[in-house]
Amino acid sequence: RVWSISEGDEDARIEQAIRRTQDFFEQMGVKTRLSDYQLGA
């Protein structure tokens, strides 16, 4: 409904939706990994 993803098996669709969410945050200039903020394991 939000990303219009209809192709692929369930797991592939879910991962694509999560990836597009992450990409959207990056597009808004907000980094998505601890390492982007000098943090880590």
PDB file of all heavy atoms in Angstrom:
ATOM      1  N   ARG A   1       0.805  -1.232   0.000  1.00  0.00           N
ATOM      2  CA  ARG A   1       0.000   0.000   0.000  1.00  0.00           C
ATOM      3  C   ARG A   1       0.836   1.279   0.000  1.00  0.00           C
ATOM      4  O   ARG A   1       0.438   2.277  -0.608  1.00  0.00           O
ATOM      5  CB  ARG A   1      -0.943   0.008   1.198  1.00  0.00           C
ATOM      6  CG  ARG A   1      -2.028  -1.056   1.147  1.00  0.00           C
ATOM      7  CD  ARG A   1      -2.979  -0.858   2.310  1.00  0.00           C
ATOM      8  NE  ARG A   1      -4.029  -1.862   2.354  1.00  0.00           N
ATOM      9  CZ  ARG A   1      -4.966  -1.901   3.300  1.00  0.00           C
ATOM     10  NH1 ARG A   1      -4.982  -0.997   4.261  1.00  0.00           N
ATOM     11  NH2 ARG A   1      -5.888  -2.847   3.284  1.00  0.00           N
ATOM     12  N   VAL A   2       1.963   1.267   0.694  1.00  0.00           N
ATOM     13  CA  VAL A   2       2.765   2.483   0.806  1.00  0.00           C
ATOM     14  C   VAL A   2       3.818   2.552  -0.296  1.00  0.00           C
ATOM     15  O   VAL A   2       4.038   3.614  -0.891  1.00  0.00           O
ATOM     16  CB  VAL A   2       3.417   2.567   2.197  1.00  0.00           C
ATOM     17  CG1 VAL A   2       4.359   3.766   2.292  1.00  0.00           C
ATOM     18  CG2 VAL A   2       2.339   2.657   3.281  1.00  0.00           C
ATOM     19  N   TRP A   3       4.449   1.419  -0.620  1.00  0.00           N
ATOM     20  CA  TRP A   3       5.535   1.421  -1.596  1.00  0.00           C
ATOM     21  C   TRP A   3       5.155   0.772  -2.916  1.00  0.00           C
ATOM     22  O   TRP A   3       5.991   0.690  -3.825  1.00  0.00           O
ATOM     23  CB  TRP A   3       6.756   0.710  -1.010  1.00  0.00           C
ATOM     24  CG  TRP A   3       7.379   1.428   0.151  1.00  0.00           C
ATOM     25  CD1 TRP A   3       7.354   1.054   1.462  1.00  0.00           C
ATOM     26  CD2 TRP A   3       8.118   2.660   0.098  1.00  0.00           C
ATOM     27  NE1 TRP A   3       8.033   1.964   2.241  1.00  0.00           N
ATOM     28  CE2 TRP A   3       8.515   2.961   1.424  1.00  0.00           C
ATOM     29  CE3 TRP A   3       8.476   3.528  -0.928  1.00  0.00           C
ATOM     30  CZ2 TRP A   3       9.254   4.107   1.746  1.00  0.00           C
ATOM     31  CZ3 TRP A   3       9.211   4.660  -0.619  1.00  0.00           C
ATOM     32  CH2 TRP A   3       9.600   4.938   0.697  1.00  0.00           C
ATOM     33  N   SER A   4       3.919   0.290  -3.046  1.00  0.00           N
ATOM     34  CA  SER A   4       3.433  -0.337  -4.298  1.00  0.00           C
ATOM     35  C   SER A   4       4.328  -1.489  -4.749  1.00  0.00           C
ATOM     36  O   SER A   4       4.606  -1.658  -5.947  1.00  0.00           O
ATOM     37  CB  SER A   4       3.325   0.711  -5.421  1.00  0.00           C
ATOM     38  OG  SER A   4       2.440   1.736  -5.059  1.00  0.00           O
ATOM     39  N   ILE A   5       4.759  -2.290  -3.786  1.00  0.00           N
ATOM     40  CA  ILE A   5       5.603  -3.450  -4.079  1.00  0.00           C
ATOM     41  C   ILE A   5       4.711  -4.679  -4.151  1.00  0.00           C
ATOM     42  O   ILE A   5       4.082  -5.064  -3.165  1.00  0.00           O
ATOM     43  CB  ILE A   5       6.674  -3.635  -2.987  1.00  0.00           C
ATOM     44  CG1 ILE A   5       7.614  -2.417  -2.958  1.00  0.00           C
ATOM     45  CG2 ILE A   5       7.459  -4.919  -3.225  1.00  0.00           C
ATOM     46  CD1 ILE A   5       8.536  -2.397  -1.745  1.00  0.00           C
ATOM     47  N   SER A   6       4.661  -5.312  -5.318  1.00  0.00           N
ATOM     48  CA  SER A   6       3.756  -6.457  -5.500  1.00  0.00           C
ATOM     49  C   SER A   6       4.436  -7.678  -6.088  1.00  0.00           C
ATOM     50  O   SER A   6       3.843  -8.754  -6.147  1.00  0.00           O
ATOM     51  CB  SER A   6       2.587  -6.050  -6.408  1.00  0.00           C
ATOM     52  OG  SER A   6       3.062  -5.575  -7.657  1.00  0.00           O
ATOM     53  N   GLU A   7       5.686  -7.537  -6.520  1.00  0.00           N
ATOM     54  CA  GLU A   7       6.375  -8.647  -7.160  1.00  0.00           C
ATOM     55  C   GLU A   7       7.397  -9.277  -6.214  1.00  0.00           C
ATOM     56  O   GLU A   7       7.966  -8.612  -5.360  1.00  0.00           O
ATOM     57  CB  GLU A   7       7.078  -8.170  -8.428  1.00  0.00           C
ATOM     58  CG  GLU A   7       6.101  -7.674  -9.493  1.00  0.00           C
ATOM     59  CD  GLU A   7       6.811  -7.297 -10.781  1.00  0.00           C
ATOM     60  OE1 GLU A   7       8.052  -7.387 -10.828  1.00  0.00           O
ATOM     61  OE2 GLU A   7       6.111  -6.900 -11.730  1.00  0.00           O
ATOM     62  N   GLY A   8       7.597 -10.580  -6.399  1.00  0.00           N
ATOM     63  CA  GLY A   8       8.540 -11.322  -5.578  1.00  0.00           C
ATOM     64  C   GLY A   8       7.844 -12.075  -4.466  1.00  0.00           C
ATOM     65  O   GLY A   8       6.654 -11.874  -4.201  1.00  0.00           O
ATOM     66  N   ASP A   9       8.601 -12.971  -3.815  1.00  0.00           N
ATOM     67  CA  ASP A   9       8.002 -13.709  -2.703  1.00  0.00           C
ATOM     68  C   ASP A   9       7.875 -12.787  -1.489  1.00  0.00           C
ATOM     69  O   ASP A   9       8.345 -11.641  -1.490  1.00  0.00           O
ATOM     70  CB  ASP A   9       8.791 -14.970  -2.381  1.00  0.00           C
ATOM     71  CG  ASP A   9      10.226 -14.697  -1.938  1.00  0.00           C
ATOM     72  OD1 ASP A   9      10.488 -13.605  -1.374  1.00  0.00           O
ATOM     73  OD2 ASP A   9      11.086 -15.565  -2.133  1.00  0.00           O
ATOM     74  N   GLU A  10       7.249 -13.298  -0.418  1.00  0.00           N
ATOM     75  CA  GLU A  10       6.945 -12.450   0.731  1.00  0.00           C
ATOM     76  C   GLU A  10       8.209 -11.845   1.341  1.00  0.00           C
ATOM     77  O   GLU A  10       8.261 -10.648   1.623  1.00  0.00           O
ATOM     78  CB  GLU A  10       6.174 -13.243   1.785  1.00  0.00           C
ATOM     79  CG  GLU A  10       4.742 -13.550   1.395  1.00  0.00           C
ATOM     80  CD  GLU A  10       3.961 -14.158   2.544  1.00  0.00           C
ATOM     81  OE1 GLU A  10       4.573 -14.434   3.613  1.00  0.00           O
ATOM     82  OE2 GLU A  10       2.740 -14.361   2.391  1.00  0.00           O
ATOM     83  N   ASP A  11       9.221 -12.666   1.550  1.00  0.00           N
ATOM     84  CA  ASP A  11      10.429 -12.161   2.185  1.00  0.00           C
ATOM     85  C   ASP A  11      11.110 -11.096   1.330  1.00  0.00           C
ATOM     86  O   ASP A  11      11.643 -10.105   1.862  1.00  0.00           O
ATOM     87  CB  ASP A  11      11.405 -13.302   2.475  1.00  0.00           C
ATOM     88  CG  ASP A  11      10.952 -14.169   3.638  1.00  0.00           C
ATOM     89  OD1 ASP A  11      10.043 -13.739   4.378  1.00  0.00           O
ATOM     90  OD2 ASP A  11      11.499 -15.279   3.806  1.00  0.00           O
ATOM     91  N   ALA A  12      11.083 -11.300   0.038  1.00  0.00           N
ATOM     92  CA  ALA A  12      11.702 -10.326  -0.863  1.00  0.00           C
ATOM     93  C   ALA A  12      10.950  -8.997  -0.825  1.00  0.00           C
ATOM     94  O   ALA A  12      11.557  -7.917  -0.829  1.00  0.00           O
ATOM     95  CB  ALA A  12      11.736 -10.870  -2.283  1.00  0.00           C
ATOM     96  N   ARG A  13       9.620  -9.055  -0.783  1.00  0.00           N
ATOM     97  CA  ARG A  13       8.814  -7.831  -0.718  1.00  0.00           C
ATOM     98  C   ARG A  13       9.053  -7.089   0.594  1.00  0.00           C
ATOM     99  O   ARG A  13       9.156  -5.858   0.623  1.00  0.00           O
ATOM    100  CB  ARG A  13       7.333  -8.166  -0.878  1.00  0.00           C
ATOM    101  CG  ARG A  13       6.894  -8.363  -2.332  1.00  0.00           C
ATOM    102  CD  ARG A  13       5.437  -8.739  -2.410  1.00  0.00           C
ATOM    103  NE  ARG A  13       5.228 -10.172  -2.210  1.00  0.00           N
ATOM    104  CZ  ARG A  13       4.114 -10.715  -1.751  1.00  0.00           C
ATOM    105  NH1 ARG A  13       3.096  -9.954  -1.369  1.00  0.00           N
ATOM    106  NH2 ARG A  13       4.004 -12.026  -1.638  1.00  0.00           N
ATOM    107  N   ILE A  14       9.138  -7.848   1.675  1.00  0.00           N
ATOM    108  CA  ILE A  14       9.376  -7.225   2.979  1.00  0.00           C
ATOM    109  C   ILE A  14      10.734  -6.539   3.004  1.00  0.00           C
ATOM    110  O   ILE A  14      10.862  -5.389   3.427  1.00  0.00           O
ATOM    111  CB  ILE A  14       9.271  -8.282   4.095  1.00  0.00           C
ATOM    112  CG1 ILE A  14       7.807  -8.680   4.292  1.00  0.00           C
ATOM    113  CG2 ILE A  14       9.884  -7.766   5.396  1.00  0.00           C
ATOM    114  CD1 ILE A  14       7.612  -9.872   5.209  1.00  0.00           C
ATOM    115  N   GLU A  15      11.764  -7.230   2.543  1.00  0.00           N
ATOM    116  CA  GLU A  15      13.106  -6.643   2.548  1.00  0.00           C
ATOM    117  C   GLU A  15      13.160  -5.414   1.654  1.00  0.00           C
ATOM    118  O   GLU A  15      13.805  -4.412   2.001  1.00  0.00           O
ATOM    119  CB  GLU A  15      14.138  -7.671   2.107  1.00  0.00           C
ATOM    120  CG  GLU A  15      15.566  -7.123   2.005  1.00  0.00           C
ATOM    121  CD  GLU A  15      16.068  -6.451   3.281  1.00  0.00           C
ATOM    122  OE1 GLU A  15      15.656  -6.863   4.394  1.00  0.00           O
ATOM    123  OE2 GLU A  15      16.865  -5.495   3.166  1.00  0.00           O
ATOM    124  N   GLN A  16      12.480  -5.458   0.508  1.00  0.00           N
ATOM    125  CA  GLN A  16      12.475  -4.299  -0.378  1.00  0.00           C
ATOM    126  C   GLN A  16      11.800  -3.103   0.302  1.00  0.00           C
ATOM    127  O   GLN A  16      12.270  -1.968   0.179  1.00  0.00           O
ATOM    128  CB  GLN A  16      11.756  -4.631  -1.689  1.00  0.00           C
ATOM    129  CG  GLN A  16      11.886  -3.530  -2.742  1.00  0.00           C
ATOM    130  CD  GLN A  16      11.205  -3.901  -4.047  1.00  0.00           C
ATOM    131  OE1 GLN A  16      10.802  -5.032  -4.259  1.00  0.00           O
ATOM    132  NE2 GLN A  16      11.072  -2.931  -4.944  1.00  0.00           N
ATOM    133  N   ALA A  17      10.710  -3.339   1.032  1.00  0.00           N
ATOM    134  CA  ALA A  17      10.015  -2.251   1.723  1.00  0.00           C
ATOM    135  C   ALA A  17      10.900  -1.644   2.806  1.00  0.00           C
ATOM    136  O   ALA A  17      10.946  -0.413   2.973  1.00  0.00           O
ATOM    137  CB  ALA A  17       8.709  -2.755   2.322  1.00  0.00           C
ATOM    138  N   ILE A  18      11.611  -2.501   3.544  1.00  0.00           N
ATOM    139  CA  ILE A  18      12.501  -1.995   4.588  1.00  0.00           C
ATOM    140  C   ILE A  18      13.654  -1.208   3.961  1.00  0.00           C
ATOM    141  O   ILE A  18      14.026  -0.132   4.448  1.00  0.00           O
ATOM    142  CB  ILE A  18      13.035  -3.148   5.460  1.00  0.00           C
ATOM    143  CG1 ILE A  18      11.881  -3.841   6.195  1.00  0.00           C
ATOM    144  CG2 ILE A  18      14.074  -2.628   6.459  1.00  0.00           C
ATOM    145  CD1 ILE A  18      12.285  -5.121   6.913  1.00  0.00           C
ATOM    146  N   ARG A  19      14.189  -1.739   2.874  1.00  0.00           N
ATOM    147  CA  ARG A  19      15.284  -1.050   2.193  1.00  0.00           C
ATOM    148  C   ARG A  19      14.840   0.317   1.670  1.00  0.00           C
ATOM    149  O   ARG A  19      15.558   1.312   1.797  1.00  0.00           O
ATOM    150  CB  ARG A  19      15.808  -1.934   1.050  1.00  0.00           C
ATOM    151  CG  ARG A  19      16.778  -1.243   0.081  1.00  0.00           C
ATOM    152  CD  ARG A  19      17.920  -0.561   0.756  1.00  0.00           C
ATOM    153  NE  ARG A  19      18.722  -1.467   1.566  1.00  0.00           N
ATOM    154  CZ  ARG A  19      19.721  -1.078   2.346  1.00  0.00           C
ATOM    155  NH1 ARG A  19      20.027   0.206   2.437  1.00  0.00           N
ATOM    156  NH2 ARG A  19      20.399  -1.954   3.048  1.00  0.00           N
ATOM    157  N   ARG A  20      13.642   0.390   1.128  1.00  0.00           N
ATOM    158  CA  ARG A  20      13.155   1.668   0.601  1.00  0.00           C
ATOM    159  C   ARG A  20      12.883   2.653   1.734  1.00  0.00           C
ATOM    160  O   ARG A  20      13.059   3.863   1.569  1.00  0.00           O
ATOM    161  CB  ARG A  20      11.925   1.443  -0.271  1.00  0.00           C
ATOM    162  CG  ARG A  20      12.280   0.718  -1.575  1.00  0.00           C
ATOM    163  CD  ARG A  20      11.103   0.526  -2.495  1.00  0.00           C
ATOM    164  NE  ARG A  20      10.599   1.780  -3.043  1.00  0.00           N
ATOM    165  CZ  ARG A  20       9.650   1.849  -3.986  1.00  0.00           C
ATOM    166  NH1 ARG A  20       9.105   0.729  -4.464  1.00  0.00           N
ATOM    167  NH2 ARG A  20       9.239   3.004  -4.430  1.00  0.00           N
ATOM    168  N   THR A  21      12.474   2.145   2.875  1.00  0.00           N
ATOM    169  CA  THR A  21      12.309   3.004   4.047  1.00  0.00           C
ATOM    170  C   THR A  21      13.648   3.592   4.449  1.00  0.00           C
ATOM    171  O   THR A  21      13.779   4.806   4.690  1.00  0.00           O
ATOM    172  CB  THR A  21      11.714   2.200   5.220  1.00  0.00           C
ATOM    173  OG1 THR A  21      10.483   1.604   4.813  1.00  0.00           O
ATOM    174  CG2 THR A  21      11.488   3.089   6.432  1.00  0.00           C
ATOM    175  N   GLN A  22      14.656   2.734   4.510  1.00  0.00           N
ATOM    176  CA  GLN A  22      15.999   3.174   4.870  1.00  0.00           C
ATOM    177  C   GLN A  22      16.529   4.185   3.849  1.00  0.00           C
ATOM    178  O   GLN A  22      17.119   5.216   4.221  1.00  0.00           O
ATOM    179  CB  GLN A  22      16.909   1.947   4.935  1.00  0.00           C
ATOM    180  CG  GLN A  22      18.164   2.119   5.761  1.00  0.00           C
ATOM    181  CD  GLN A  22      18.801   0.777   6.111  1.00  0.00           C
ATOM    182  OE1 GLN A  22      18.243  -0.290   5.839  1.00  0.00           O
ATOM    183  NE2 GLN A  22      19.976   0.820   6.709  1.00  0.00           N
ATOM    184  N   ASP A  23      16.300   3.925   2.577  1.00  0.00           N
ATOM    185  CA  ASP A  23      16.738   4.846   1.527  1.00  0.00           C
ATOM    186  C   ASP A  23      16.039   6.195   1.646  1.00  0.00           C
ATOM    187  O   ASP A  23      16.634   7.254   1.383  1.00  0.00           O
ATOM    188  CB  ASP A  23      16.466   4.244   0.152  1.00  0.00           C
ATOM    189  CG  ASP A  23      17.371   3.063  -0.178  1.00  0.00           C
ATOM    190  OD1 ASP A  23      18.385   2.878   0.539  1.00  0.00           O
ATOM    191  OD2 ASP A  23      17.058   2.325  -1.126  1.00  0.00           O
ATOM    192  N   PHE A  24      14.770   6.176   2.038  1.00  0.00           N
ATOM    193  CA  PHE A  24      14.031   7.423   2.216  1.00  0.00           C
ATOM    194  C   PHE A  24      14.639   8.259   3.345  1.00  0.00           C
ATOM    195  O   PHE A  24      14.817   9.481   3.205  1.00  0.00           O
ATOM    196  CB  PHE A  24      12.559   7.127   2.502  1.00  0.00           C
ATOM    197  CG  PHE A  24      11.757   8.338   2.894  1.00  0.00           C
ATOM    198  CD1 PHE A  24      11.592   9.396   2.016  1.00  0.00           C
ATOM    199  CD2 PHE A  24      11.167   8.422   4.156  1.00  0.00           C
ATOM    200  CE1 PHE A  24      10.864  10.522   2.381  1.00  0.00           C
ATOM    201  CE2 PHE A  24      10.432   9.535   4.527  1.00  0.00           C
ATOM    202  CZ  PHE A  24      10.282  10.587   3.627  1.00  0.00           C
ATOM    203  N   PHE A  25      14.982   7.616   4.440  1.00  0.00           N
ATOM    204  CA  PHE A  25      15.635   8.345   5.528  1.00  0.00           C
ATOM    205  C   PHE A  25      16.943   8.969   5.038  1.00  0.00           C
ATOM    206  O   PHE A  25      17.242  10.134   5.339  1.00  0.00           O
ATOM    207  CB  PHE A  25      15.913   7.418   6.711  1.00  0.00           C
ATOM    208  CG  PHE A  25      14.682   6.883   7.400  1.00  0.00           C
ATOM    209  CD1 PHE A  25      14.781   5.794   8.254  1.00  0.00           C
ATOM    210  CD2 PHE A  25      13.436   7.460   7.206  1.00  0.00           C
ATOM    211  CE1 PHE A  25      13.659   5.298   8.912  1.00  0.00           C
ATOM    212  CE2 PHE A  25      12.304   6.968   7.844  1.00  0.00           C
ATOM    213  CZ  PHE A  25      12.423   5.880   8.699  1.00  0.00           C
ATOM    214  N   GLU A  26      17.711   8.201   4.307  1.00  0.00           N
ATOM    215  CA  GLU A  26      18.966   8.715   3.759  1.00  0.00           C
ATOM    216  C   GLU A  26      18.703   9.886   2.807  1.00  0.00           C
ATOM    217  O   GLU A  26      19.450  10.883   2.802  1.00  0.00           O
ATOM    218  CB  GLU A  26      19.725   7.604   3.033  1.00  0.00           C
ATOM    219  CG  GLU A  26      20.181   6.453   3.920  1.00  0.00           C
ATOM    220  CD  GLU A  26      21.531   6.699   4.563  1.00  0.00           C
ATOM    221  OE1 GLU A  26      22.186   7.706   4.227  1.00  0.00           O
ATOM    222  OE2 GLU A  26      21.953   5.872   5.401  1.00  0.00           O
ATOM    223  N   GLN A  27      17.659   9.775   1.993  1.00  0.00           N
ATOM    224  CA  GLN A  27      17.294  10.849   1.070  1.00  0.00           C
ATOM    225  C   GLN A  27      16.973  12.137   1.826  1.00  0.00           C
ATOM    226  O   GLN A  27      17.250  13.247   1.337  1.00  0.00           O
ATOM    227  CB  GLN A  27      16.081  10.427   0.225  1.00  0.00           C
ATOM    228  CG  GLN A  27      15.681  11.445  -0.834  1.00  0.00           C
ATOM    229  CD  GLN A  27      14.442  11.005  -1.606  1.00  0.00           C
ATOM    230  OE1 GLN A  27      13.759  10.053  -1.226  1.00  0.00           O
ATOM    231  NE2 GLN A  27      14.152  11.698  -2.688  1.00  0.00           N
ATOM    232  N   MET A  28      16.420  11.992   3.028  1.00  0.00           N
ATOM    233  CA  MET A  28      16.101  13.160   3.851  1.00  0.00           C
ATOM    234  C   MET A  28      17.322  13.662   4.618  1.00  0.00           C
ATOM    235  O   MET A  28      17.219  14.599   5.417  1.00  0.00           O
ATOM    236  CB  MET A  28      14.975  12.822   4.830  1.00  0.00           C
ATOM    237  CG  MET A  28      13.628  12.551   4.181  1.00  0.00           C
ATOM    238  SD  MET A  28      13.064  13.861   3.059  1.00  0.00           S
ATOM    239  CE  MET A  28      13.071  15.291   4.116  1.00  0.00           C
ATOM    240  N   GLY A  29      18.479  13.049   4.370  1.00  0.00           N
ATOM    241  CA  GLY A  29      19.707  13.511   4.999  1.00  0.00           C
ATOM    242  C   GLY A  29      19.954  12.948   6.375  1.00  0.00           C
ATOM    243  O   GLY A  29      20.819  13.449   7.110  1.00  0.00           O
ATOM    244  N   VAL A  30      19.216  11.888   6.748  1.00  0.00           N
ATOM    245  CA  VAL A  30      19.361  11.291   8.073  1.00  0.00           C
ATOM    246  C   VAL A  30      19.998   9.913   7.906  1.00  0.00           C
ATOM    247  O   VAL A  30      19.385   8.997   7.355  1.00  0.00           O
ATOM    248  CB  VAL A  30      18.003  11.186   8.794  1.00  0.00           C
ATOM    249  CG1 VAL A  30      18.214  10.697  10.230  1.00  0.00           C
ATOM    250  CG2 VAL A  30      17.294  12.532   8.795  1.00  0.00           C
ATOM    251  N   LYS A  31      21.229   9.768   8.364  1.00  0.00           N
ATOM    252  CA  LYS A  31      21.975   8.533   8.200  1.00  0.00           C
ATOM    253  C   LYS A  31      21.389   7.416   9.067  1.00  0.00           C
ATOM    254  O   LYS A  31      20.793   7.677  10.108  1.00  0.00           O
ATOM    255  CB  LYS A  31      23.437   8.750   8.550  1.00  0.00           C
ATOM    256  CG  LYS A  31      24.145   9.745   7.634  1.00  0.00           C
ATOM    257  CD  LYS A  31      24.182   9.246   6.200  1.00  0.00           C
ATOM    258  CE  LYS A  31      24.954  10.183   5.293  1.00  0.00           C
ATOM    259  NZ  LYS A  31      24.974   9.686   3.884  1.00  0.00           N
ATOM    260  N   THR A  32      21.608   6.167   8.646  1.00  0.00           N
ATOM    261  CA  THR A  32      20.865   5.048   9.226  1.00  0.00           C
ATOM    262  C   THR A  32      21.725   3.980   9.892  1.00  0.00           C
ATOM    263  O   THR A  32      21.211   2.916  10.240  1.00  0.00           O
ATOM    264  CB  THR A  32      20.007   4.388   8.135  1.00  0.00           C
ATOM    265  OG1 THR A  32      20.861   3.937   7.073  1.00  0.00           O
ATOM    266  CG2 THR A  32      18.971   5.344   7.576  1.00  0.00           C
ATOM    267  N   ARG A  33      23.013   4.269  10.094  1.00  0.00           N
ATOM    268  CA  ARG A  33      23.861   3.272  10.736  1.00  0.00           C
ATOM    269  C   ARG A  33      24.652   3.891  11.880  1.00  0.00           C
ATOM    270  O   ARG A  33      25.023   5.067  11.836  1.00  0.00           O
ATOM    271  CB  ARG A  33      24.820   2.629   9.728  1.00  0.00           C
ATOM    272  CG  ARG A  33      24.088   1.818   8.663  1.00  0.00           C
ATOM    273  CD  ARG A  33      25.008   0.854   7.946  1.00  0.00           C
ATOM    274  NE  ARG A  33      24.244  -0.033   7.064  1.00  0.00           N
ATOM    275  CZ  ARG A  33      23.634  -1.139   7.455  1.00  0.00           C
ATOM    276  NH1 ARG A  33      23.710  -1.516   8.730  1.00  0.00           N
ATOM    277  NH2 ARG A  33      22.956  -1.880   6.600  1.00  0.00           N
ATOM    278  N   LEU A  34      24.922   3.100  12.894  1.00  0.00           N
ATOM    279  CA  LEU A  34      25.729   3.579  14.010  1.00  0.00           C
ATOM    280  C   LEU A  34      27.069   4.120  13.534  1.00  0.00           C
ATOM    281  O   LEU A  34      27.562   5.136  14.044  1.00  0.00           O
ATOM    282  CB  LEU A  34      25.951   2.444  15.017  1.00  0.00           C
ATOM    283  CG  LEU A  34      24.757   2.035  15.879  1.00  0.00           C
ATOM    284  CD1 LEU A  34      25.062   0.725  16.607  1.00  0.00           C
ATOM    285  CD2 LEU A  34      24.390   3.119  16.869  1.00  0.00           C
ATOM    286  N   SER A  35      27.654   3.449  12.561  1.00  0.00           N
ATOM    287  CA  SER A  35      28.967   3.869  12.077  1.00  0.00           C
ATOM    288  C   SER A  35      28.947   5.261  11.456  1.00  0.00           C
ATOM    289  O   SER A  35      29.983   5.936  11.402  1.00  0.00           O
ATOM    290  CB  SER A  35      29.508   2.854  11.067  1.00  0.00           C
ATOM    291  OG  SER A  35      28.598   2.664  10.002  1.00  0.00           O
ATOM    292  N   ASP A  36      27.773   5.703  11.000  1.00  0.00           N
ATOM    293  CA  ASP A  36      27.660   7.051  10.448  1.00  0.00           C
ATOM    294  C   ASP A  36      27.850   8.118  11.523  1.00  0.00           C
ATOM    295  O   ASP A  36      28.075   9.293  11.210  1.00  0.00           O
ATOM    296  CB  ASP A  36      26.289   7.249   9.795  1.00  0.00           C
ATOM    297  CG  ASP A  36      26.099   6.375   8.559  1.00  0.00           C
ATOM    298  OD1 ASP A  36      27.043   6.263   7.763  1.00  0.00           O
ATOM    299  OD2 ASP A  36      24.997   5.812   8.401  1.00  0.00           O
ATOM    300  N   TYR A  37      27.753   7.720  12.773  1.00  0.00           N
ATOM    301  CA  TYR A  37      27.860   8.644  13.902  1.00  0.00           C
ATOM    302  C   TYR A  37      29.053   8.292  14.799  1.00  0.00           C
ATOM    303  O   TYR A  37      29.064   8.612  15.983  1.00  0.00           O
ATOM    304  CB  TYR A  37      26.563   8.631  14.708  1.00  0.00           C
ATOM    305  CG  TYR A  37      25.357   8.944  13.850  1.00  0.00           C
ATOM    306  CD1 TYR A  37      24.599   7.912  13.272  1.00  0.00           C
ATOM    307  CD2 TYR A  37      24.975  10.259  13.577  1.00  0.00           C
ATOM    308  CE1 TYR A  37      23.498   8.183  12.471  1.00  0.00           C
ATOM    309  CE2 TYR A  37      23.882  10.536  12.780  1.00  0.00           C
ATOM    310  CZ  TYR A  37      23.152   9.496  12.227  1.00  0.00           C
ATOM    311  OH  TYR A  37      22.051   9.775  11.416  1.00  0.00           O
ATOM    312  N   GLN A  38      30.046   7.627  14.206  1.00  0.00           N
ATOM    313  CA  GLN A  38      31.274   7.233  14.914  1.00  0.00           C
ATOM    314  C   GLN A  38      30.972   6.319  16.109  1.00  0.00           C
ATOM    315  O   GLN A  38      31.651   6.366  17.136  1.00  0.00           O
ATOM    316  CB  GLN A  38      32.068   8.469  15.374  1.00  0.00           C
ATOM    317  CG  GLN A  38      32.684   9.279  14.247  1.00  0.00           C
ATOM    318  CD  GLN A  38      31.653  10.066  13.444  1.00  0.00           C
ATOM    319  OE1 GLN A  38      30.911  10.859  14.021  1.00  0.00           O
ATOM    320  NE2 GLN A  38      31.603   9.863  12.139  1.00  0.00           N
ATOM    321  N   LEU A  39      29.955   5.497  15.963  1.00  0.00           N
ATOM    322  CA  LEU A  39      29.616   4.494  16.967  1.00  0.00           C
ATOM    323  C   LEU A  39      29.708   3.120  16.318  1.00  0.00           C
ATOM    324  O   LEU A  39      29.715   3.004  15.091  1.00  0.00           O
ATOM    325  CB  LEU A  39      28.213   4.727  17.526  1.00  0.00           C
ATOM    326  CG  LEU A  39      27.965   6.076  18.221  1.00  0.00           C
ATOM    327  CD1 LEU A  39      26.493   6.237  18.554  1.00  0.00           C
ATOM    328  CD2 LEU A  39      28.809   6.201  19.477  1.00  0.00           C
ATOM    329  N   GLY A  40      29.768   2.076  17.143  1.00  0.00           N
ATOM    330  CA  GLY A  40      29.872   0.742  16.573  1.00  0.00           C
ATOM    331  C   GLY A  40      29.543  -0.336  17.576  1.00  0.00           C
ATOM    332  O   GLY A  40      28.905  -0.083  18.614  1.00  0.00           O
ATOM    333  N   ALA A  41      30.004  -1.547  17.287  1.00  0.00           N
ATOM    334  CA  ALA A  41      29.690  -2.699  18.134  1.00  0.00           C
ATOM    335  C   ALA A  41      30.170  -2.497  19.571  1.00  0.00           C
ATOM    336  O   ALA A  41      29.566  -3.017  20.518  1.00  0.00           O
ATOM    337  CB  ALA A  41      30.324  -3.953  17.539  1.00  0.00           C
TER     338      ALA A  41
END
